[in-house]
Amino acid sequence: MKSRTEYLRRENLAAVRVEVANFKRFRKLVDQWADAALKLSQLKTRLGLHSSES
């Protein structure tokens, strides 16, 4: 993953900061969802609840 620098006009700075904050929140929520899905799958495996469907 490479970083990237881009110059912004001052009048766009506030909007870009909101977009970056929203993206960070999105990534955090996706990570939480992935963790929950993994835990659910592990629990289903332990309880023998996985179906044979793919």
C-alpha atoms as a PDB file:
ATOM      1  CA  MET A   1       0.000   0.000   0.000  1.00  0.00           C
ATOM      2  CA  LYS A   2       1.550   3.237  -1.112  1.00  0.00           C
ATOM      3  CA  SER A   3       0.788   6.651   0.276  1.00  0.00           C
ATOM      4  CA  ARG A   4      -0.193   9.471  -1.989  1.00  0.00           C
ATOM      5  CA  THR A   5       0.078  13.223  -1.637  1.00  0.00           C
ATOM      6  CA  GLU A   6      -2.277  15.534  -3.439  1.00  0.00           C
ATOM      7  CA  TYR A   7      -2.583  19.287  -3.165  1.00  0.00           C
ATOM      8  CA  LEU A   8      -5.999  20.756  -2.404  1.00  0.00           C
ATOM      9  CA  ARG A   9      -7.445  24.175  -2.614  1.00  0.00           C
ATOM     10  CA  ARG A  10      -8.223  25.642   0.760  1.00  0.00           C
ATOM     11  CA  GLU A  11     -11.945  25.877  -0.084  1.00  0.00           C
ATOM     12  CA  ASN A  12     -12.056  22.085  -0.640  1.00  0.00           C
ATOM     13  CA  LEU A  13     -10.185  21.122   2.519  1.00  0.00           C
ATOM     14  CA  ALA A  14     -13.201  20.836   4.839  1.00  0.00           C
ATOM     15  CA  ALA A  15     -15.118  18.625   2.403  1.00  0.00           C
ATOM     16  CA  VAL A  16     -12.121  16.350   1.865  1.00  0.00           C
ATOM     17  CA  ARG A  17     -11.625  16.012   5.618  1.00  0.00           C
ATOM     18  CA  VAL A  18     -15.260  14.900   5.954  1.00  0.00           C
ATOM     19  CA  GLU A  19     -14.762  12.362   3.160  1.00  0.00           C
ATOM     20  CA  VAL A  20     -11.610  10.995   4.784  1.00  0.00           C
ATOM     21  CA  ALA A  21     -13.361  10.712   8.170  1.00  0.00           C
ATOM     22  CA  ASN A  22     -16.285   8.912   6.527  1.00  0.00           C
ATOM     23  CA  PHE A  23     -13.924   6.487   4.800  1.00  0.00           C
ATOM     24  CA  LYS A  24     -12.109   5.749   8.069  1.00  0.00           C
ATOM     25  CA  ARG A  25     -15.450   5.048   9.751  1.00  0.00           C
ATOM     26  CA  PHE A  26     -16.450   2.800   6.845  1.00  0.00           C
ATOM     27  CA  ARG A  27     -13.203   0.811   7.072  1.00  0.00           C
ATOM     28  CA  LYS A  28     -13.663   0.385  10.832  1.00  0.00           C
ATOM     29  CA  LEU A  29     -17.213  -0.896  10.330  1.00  0.00           C
ATOM     30  CA  VAL A  30     -16.084  -3.310   7.587  1.00  0.00           C
ATOM     31  CA  ASP A  31     -13.345  -4.645   9.885  1.00  0.00           C
ATOM     32  CA  GLN A  32     -15.883  -5.141  12.694  1.00  0.00           C
ATOM     33  CA  TRP A  33     -18.251  -6.938  10.305  1.00  0.00           C
ATOM     34  CA  ALA A  34     -15.459  -9.226   9.087  1.00  0.00           C
ATOM     35  CA  ASP A  35     -14.489 -10.082  12.667  1.00  0.00           C
ATOM     36  CA  ALA A  36     -18.121 -10.856  13.549  1.00  0.00           C
ATOM     37  CA  ALA A  37     -18.575 -13.002  10.422  1.00  0.00           C
ATOM     38  CA  LEU A  38     -15.433 -14.985  11.271  1.00  0.00           C
ATOM     39  CA  LYS A  39     -16.582 -15.538  14.862  1.00  0.00           C
ATOM     40  CA  LEU A  40     -20.022 -16.633  13.644  1.00  0.00           C
ATOM     41  CA  SER A  41     -18.470 -19.089  11.207  1.00  0.00           C
ATOM     42  CA  GLN A  42     -16.234 -20.515  13.933  1.00  0.00           C
ATOM     43  CA  LEU A  43     -19.212 -20.895  16.263  1.00  0.00           C
ATOM     44  CA  LYS A  44     -21.273 -22.611  13.568  1.00  0.00           C
ATOM     45  CA  THR A  45     -18.382 -25.001  12.942  1.00  0.00           C
ATOM     46  CA  ARG A  46     -18.126 -25.863  16.637  1.00  0.00           C
ATOM     47  CA  LEU A  47     -21.873 -26.437  16.858  1.00  0.00           C
ATOM     48  CA  GLY A  48     -22.055 -28.386  13.601  1.00  0.00           C
ATOM     49  CA  LEU A  49     -24.470 -25.886  12.062  1.00  0.00           C
ATOM     50  CA  HIS A  50     -22.754 -25.373   8.721  1.00  0.00           C
ATOM     51  CA  SER A  51     -24.861 -26.623   5.862  1.00  0.00           C
ATOM     52  CA  SER A  52     -23.352 -28.597   3.009  1.00  0.00           C
ATOM     53  CA  GLU A  53     -24.401 -25.821   0.569  1.00  0.00           C
ATOM     54  CA  SER A  54     -21.738 -23.567  -0.924  1.00  0.00           C
END
